[in-house]
């Protein structure tokens, strides 16, 4: 039963911010405002990043589909090579998007 009452990290930070706001006057209000602004910015960033990743995924699938369509006599080895190349390119673009590579 007690496990059902546990808060996630985000919920806990939110509750700390609310308590600071309720009990801390202007400083508490500033703390809570900063927390909420940070949380909103993070969510917007993650959603934009996700949508960019989805676009990259769709582009990769389209390029693979076009290769298969334009090369109907390609061998299994050629198809495998092209798919591997496109997946590596996709992974590189996602890594660049996430700032993992300079």
N, C-alpha and C. Protein backbone atom coordinates (compact mmCIF):
# COMPACT_ATOMS: atom_id res chain seq x y z
N UNK A 1 0.82 -1.20 0.00
CA UNK A 1 0.00 0.00 0.00
C UNK A 1 0.86 1.26 0.00
N UNK A 2 1.91 1.27 0.83
CA UNK A 2 2.77 2.45 0.91
C UNK A 2 3.48 2.70 -0.41
N UNK A 3 3.76 1.64 -1.16
CA UNK A 3 4.43 1.80 -2.46
C UNK A 3 3.56 2.61 -3.42
N UNK A 4 2.24 2.52 -3.30
CA UNK A 4 1.33 3.26 -4.17
C UNK A 4 1.41 4.76 -3.93
N UNK A 5 1.89 5.15 -2.76
CA UNK A 5 1.97 6.56 -2.41
C UNK A 5 3.29 7.20 -2.82
N UNK A 6 4.21 6.40 -3.31
CA UNK A 6 5.53 6.92 -3.68
C UNK A 6 5.42 7.83 -4.90
N UNK A 7 6.24 8.86 -4.92
CA UNK A 7 6.25 9.82 -6.01
C UNK A 7 7.44 9.55 -6.93
N UNK A 8 7.24 9.84 -8.19
CA UNK A 8 8.38 9.79 -9.11
C UNK A 8 9.29 10.97 -8.79
N UNK A 9 10.47 10.97 -9.36
CA UNK A 9 11.41 12.07 -9.10
C UNK A 9 10.82 13.40 -9.52
N UNK A 10 10.20 13.44 -10.68
CA UNK A 10 9.58 14.68 -11.16
C UNK A 10 8.46 15.14 -10.25
N UNK A 11 7.63 14.19 -9.81
CA UNK A 11 6.54 14.55 -8.89
C UNK A 11 7.07 15.05 -7.56
N UNK A 12 8.13 14.41 -7.06
CA UNK A 12 8.74 14.84 -5.80
C UNK A 12 9.28 16.26 -5.91
N UNK A 13 10.00 16.54 -6.99
CA UNK A 13 10.52 17.89 -7.19
C UNK A 13 9.39 18.90 -7.30
N UNK A 14 8.32 18.53 -7.96
CA UNK A 14 7.16 19.41 -8.06
C UNK A 14 6.57 19.70 -6.69
N UNK A 15 6.43 18.67 -5.87
CA UNK A 15 5.87 18.86 -4.53
C UNK A 15 6.79 19.72 -3.65
N UNK A 16 8.10 19.53 -3.79
CA UNK A 16 9.04 20.38 -3.05
C UNK A 16 8.87 21.83 -3.48
N UNK A 17 8.72 22.05 -4.78
CA UNK A 17 8.51 23.41 -5.28
C UNK A 17 7.22 24.02 -4.77
N UNK A 18 6.15 23.22 -4.72
CA UNK A 18 4.86 23.72 -4.20
C UNK A 18 5.00 24.08 -2.73
N UNK A 19 5.64 23.20 -1.95
CA UNK A 19 5.83 23.51 -0.52
C UNK A 19 6.66 24.77 -0.34
N UNK A 20 7.71 24.93 -1.13
CA UNK A 20 8.53 26.13 -1.03
C UNK A 20 7.71 27.36 -1.38
N UNK A 21 6.85 27.23 -2.39
CA UNK A 21 6.00 28.35 -2.78
C UNK A 21 5.01 28.70 -1.67
N UNK A 22 4.40 27.68 -1.10
CA UNK A 22 3.40 27.93 -0.06
C UNK A 22 4.01 28.46 1.23
N UNK A 23 5.20 27.99 1.57
CA UNK A 23 5.80 28.35 2.86
C UNK A 23 6.94 29.35 2.75
N UNK A 24 7.41 29.62 1.57
CA UNK A 24 8.63 30.41 1.44
C UNK A 24 8.46 31.81 0.92
N UNK A 25 7.27 32.27 0.78
CA UNK A 25 7.08 33.63 0.30
C UNK A 25 7.64 33.82 -1.10
N UNK A 26 8.30 34.96 -1.30
CA UNK A 26 8.80 35.32 -2.62
C UNK A 26 9.91 34.38 -3.11
N UNK A 27 10.79 33.95 -2.21
CA UNK A 27 11.85 33.01 -2.60
C UNK A 27 11.26 31.68 -3.05
N UNK A 28 10.25 31.22 -2.33
CA UNK A 28 9.58 29.97 -2.71
C UNK A 28 8.90 30.09 -4.06
N UNK A 29 8.30 31.25 -4.30
CA UNK A 29 7.64 31.49 -5.59
C UNK A 29 8.66 31.45 -6.72
N UNK A 30 9.82 32.06 -6.50
CA UNK A 30 10.88 32.07 -7.51
C UNK A 30 11.38 30.66 -7.78
N UNK A 31 11.57 29.88 -6.72
CA UNK A 31 12.02 28.50 -6.87
C UNK A 31 11.01 27.68 -7.66
N UNK A 32 9.75 27.79 -7.30
CA UNK A 32 8.71 27.03 -7.98
C UNK A 32 8.60 27.46 -9.45
N UNK A 33 8.67 28.76 -9.69
CA UNK A 33 8.60 29.27 -11.06
C UNK A 33 9.75 28.71 -11.90
N UNK A 34 10.95 28.69 -11.33
CA UNK A 34 12.11 28.15 -12.05
C UNK A 34 11.93 26.67 -12.34
N UNK A 35 11.42 25.93 -11.37
CA UNK A 35 11.20 24.50 -11.57
C UNK A 35 10.19 24.24 -12.69
N UNK A 36 9.07 24.94 -12.65
CA UNK A 36 8.03 24.73 -13.67
C UNK A 36 8.55 25.14 -15.05
N UNK A 37 9.26 26.26 -15.13
CA UNK A 37 9.81 26.70 -16.41
C UNK A 37 10.80 25.67 -16.95
N UNK A 38 11.65 25.14 -16.09
CA UNK A 38 12.60 24.11 -16.51
C UNK A 38 11.91 22.86 -17.00
N UNK A 39 10.89 22.45 -16.28
CA UNK A 39 10.16 21.24 -16.65
C UNK A 39 9.47 21.42 -18.01
N UNK A 40 8.85 22.56 -18.22
CA UNK A 40 8.17 22.84 -19.49
C UNK A 40 9.18 22.89 -20.64
N UNK A 41 10.29 23.57 -20.44
CA UNK A 41 11.33 23.65 -21.48
C UNK A 41 11.86 22.27 -21.83
N UNK A 42 12.08 21.45 -20.83
CA UNK A 42 12.58 20.10 -21.06
C UNK A 42 11.58 19.29 -21.88
N UNK A 43 10.30 19.37 -21.52
CA UNK A 43 9.28 18.62 -22.25
C UNK A 43 9.17 19.08 -23.70
N UNK A 44 9.21 20.39 -23.92
CA UNK A 44 9.14 20.91 -25.29
C UNK A 44 10.34 20.42 -26.09
N UNK A 45 11.53 20.51 -25.50
CA UNK A 45 12.75 20.04 -26.17
C UNK A 45 12.64 18.56 -26.54
N UNK A 46 12.22 17.72 -25.60
CA UNK A 46 12.13 16.29 -25.86
C UNK A 46 11.11 15.99 -26.96
N UNK A 47 10.01 16.71 -26.98
CA UNK A 47 9.00 16.47 -28.01
C UNK A 47 9.48 16.91 -29.38
N UNK A 48 10.20 18.03 -29.45
CA UNK A 48 10.75 18.47 -30.73
C UNK A 48 11.82 17.51 -31.20
N UNK A 49 12.66 17.05 -30.30
CA UNK A 49 13.70 16.09 -30.64
C UNK A 49 13.07 14.80 -31.14
N UNK A 50 12.04 14.35 -30.46
CA UNK A 50 11.36 13.13 -30.87
C UNK A 50 10.80 13.28 -32.28
N UNK A 51 10.17 14.42 -32.57
CA UNK A 51 9.58 14.58 -33.89
C UNK A 51 10.67 14.64 -34.96
N UNK A 52 11.84 15.22 -34.66
CA UNK A 52 12.93 15.24 -35.62
C UNK A 52 13.46 13.83 -35.85
N UNK A 53 13.52 13.03 -34.80
CA UNK A 53 13.95 11.64 -34.93
C UNK A 53 12.96 10.86 -35.79
N UNK A 54 11.68 11.11 -35.61
CA UNK A 54 10.67 10.45 -36.42
C UNK A 54 10.83 10.81 -37.90
N UNK A 55 11.15 12.07 -38.18
CA UNK A 55 11.37 12.50 -39.57
C UNK A 55 12.57 11.76 -40.15
N UNK A 56 13.65 11.69 -39.38
CA UNK A 56 14.84 10.97 -39.86
C UNK A 56 14.53 9.50 -40.12
N UNK A 57 13.73 8.89 -39.25
CA UNK A 57 13.36 7.48 -39.42
C UNK A 57 12.56 7.30 -40.71
N UNK A 58 11.59 8.19 -40.94
CA UNK A 58 10.77 8.10 -42.15
C UNK A 58 11.61 8.29 -43.41
N UNK A 59 12.55 9.24 -43.36
CA UNK A 59 13.43 9.45 -44.51
C UNK A 59 14.28 8.22 -44.79
N UNK A 60 14.77 7.58 -43.74
CA UNK A 60 15.58 6.37 -43.90
C UNK A 60 14.77 5.26 -44.55
N UNK A 61 13.57 5.06 -44.06
CA UNK A 61 12.69 4.02 -44.62
C UNK A 61 12.39 4.32 -46.08
N UNK A 62 12.15 5.58 -46.40
CA UNK A 62 11.86 5.96 -47.78
C UNK A 62 13.05 5.69 -48.69
N UNK A 63 14.26 6.02 -48.24
CA UNK A 63 15.45 5.77 -49.06
C UNK A 63 15.64 4.27 -49.29
N UNK A 64 15.43 3.47 -48.25
CA UNK A 64 15.55 2.01 -48.41
C UNK A 64 14.50 1.50 -49.39
N UNK A 65 13.27 1.98 -49.24
CA UNK A 65 12.19 1.56 -50.14
C UNK A 65 12.50 1.94 -51.58
N UNK A 66 13.01 3.15 -51.78
CA UNK A 66 13.36 3.58 -53.14
C UNK A 66 14.48 2.73 -53.72
N UNK A 67 15.45 2.36 -52.90
CA UNK A 67 16.53 1.50 -53.38
C UNK A 67 15.97 0.16 -53.84
N UNK A 68 15.12 -0.43 -53.03
CA UNK A 68 14.53 -1.73 -53.37
C UNK A 68 13.70 -1.61 -54.65
N UNK A 69 12.92 -0.53 -54.76
CA UNK A 69 12.08 -0.32 -55.94
C UNK A 69 12.93 -0.11 -57.19
N UNK A 70 13.99 0.67 -57.07
CA UNK A 70 14.83 1.00 -58.23
C UNK A 70 15.85 -0.08 -58.57
N UNK A 71 16.01 -1.05 -57.70
CA UNK A 71 16.98 -2.13 -57.92
C UNK A 71 16.31 -3.49 -57.68
N UNK A 72 15.33 -3.84 -58.53
CA UNK A 72 14.58 -5.07 -58.28
C UNK A 72 15.42 -6.34 -58.39
N UNK A 73 16.53 -6.27 -59.07
CA UNK A 73 17.38 -7.45 -59.25
C UNK A 73 18.56 -7.47 -58.28
N UNK A 74 18.53 -6.61 -57.29
CA UNK A 74 19.64 -6.57 -56.32
C UNK A 74 19.70 -7.88 -55.55
N UNK A 75 20.91 -8.32 -55.31
CA UNK A 75 21.09 -9.57 -54.55
C UNK A 75 20.81 -9.31 -53.07
N UNK A 76 20.68 -10.41 -52.33
CA UNK A 76 20.48 -10.29 -50.88
C UNK A 76 21.64 -9.54 -50.24
N UNK A 77 22.85 -9.81 -50.71
CA UNK A 77 24.03 -9.14 -50.17
C UNK A 77 23.98 -7.64 -50.45
N UNK A 78 23.54 -7.26 -51.65
CA UNK A 78 23.44 -5.85 -51.99
C UNK A 78 22.37 -5.16 -51.15
N UNK A 79 21.23 -5.84 -50.99
CA UNK A 79 20.16 -5.28 -50.16
C UNK A 79 20.63 -5.11 -48.72
N UNK A 80 21.29 -6.14 -48.22
CA UNK A 80 21.79 -6.09 -46.84
C UNK A 80 22.78 -4.94 -46.68
N UNK A 81 23.66 -4.78 -47.63
CA UNK A 81 24.65 -3.71 -47.59
C UNK A 81 23.99 -2.33 -47.59
N UNK A 82 23.00 -2.16 -48.44
CA UNK A 82 22.29 -0.87 -48.52
C UNK A 82 21.54 -0.57 -47.23
N UNK A 83 20.86 -1.56 -46.68
CA UNK A 83 20.13 -1.37 -45.43
C UNK A 83 21.09 -1.02 -44.30
N UNK A 84 22.21 -1.73 -44.23
CA UNK A 84 23.20 -1.44 -43.19
C UNK A 84 23.74 -0.02 -43.33
N UNK A 85 24.00 0.40 -44.57
CA UNK A 85 24.51 1.75 -44.82
C UNK A 85 23.49 2.79 -44.35
N UNK A 86 22.22 2.58 -44.69
CA UNK A 86 21.18 3.54 -44.32
C UNK A 86 20.98 3.58 -42.80
N UNK A 87 21.06 2.43 -42.15
CA UNK A 87 20.90 2.39 -40.70
C UNK A 87 22.06 3.12 -40.02
N UNK A 88 23.27 2.93 -40.53
CA UNK A 88 24.42 3.65 -39.96
C UNK A 88 24.27 5.15 -40.16
N UNK A 89 23.80 5.56 -41.32
CA UNK A 89 23.57 6.98 -41.59
C UNK A 89 22.51 7.54 -40.65
N UNK A 90 21.43 6.78 -40.46
CA UNK A 90 20.37 7.19 -39.53
C UNK A 90 20.92 7.34 -38.12
N UNK A 91 21.68 6.36 -37.67
CA UNK A 91 22.24 6.41 -36.31
C UNK A 91 23.15 7.62 -36.15
N UNK A 92 23.93 7.93 -37.16
CA UNK A 92 24.83 9.09 -37.11
C UNK A 92 24.03 10.38 -37.00
N UNK A 93 22.97 10.50 -37.81
CA UNK A 93 22.14 11.70 -37.78
C UNK A 93 21.44 11.87 -36.43
N UNK A 94 20.96 10.78 -35.85
CA UNK A 94 20.32 10.85 -34.53
C UNK A 94 21.34 11.26 -33.48
N UNK A 95 22.53 10.69 -33.55
CA UNK A 95 23.58 11.05 -32.59
C UNK A 95 23.93 12.53 -32.72
N UNK A 96 24.03 13.03 -33.94
CA UNK A 96 24.31 14.45 -34.15
C UNK A 96 23.18 15.30 -33.59
N UNK A 97 21.96 14.86 -33.80
CA UNK A 97 20.78 15.58 -33.32
C UNK A 97 20.79 15.69 -31.80
N UNK A 98 21.21 14.64 -31.14
CA UNK A 98 21.22 14.61 -29.68
C UNK A 98 22.48 15.22 -29.10
N UNK A 99 23.34 15.76 -29.97
CA UNK A 99 24.54 16.42 -29.50
C UNK A 99 25.61 15.47 -29.00
N UNK A 100 25.53 14.23 -29.42
CA UNK A 100 26.50 13.24 -28.96
C UNK A 100 27.80 13.34 -29.73
N UNK A 101 27.73 13.89 -30.94
CA UNK A 101 28.93 14.02 -31.77
C UNK A 101 29.12 15.49 -32.13
N UNK A 102 30.34 15.97 -32.07
CA UNK A 102 30.60 17.38 -32.40
C UNK A 102 30.44 17.65 -33.88
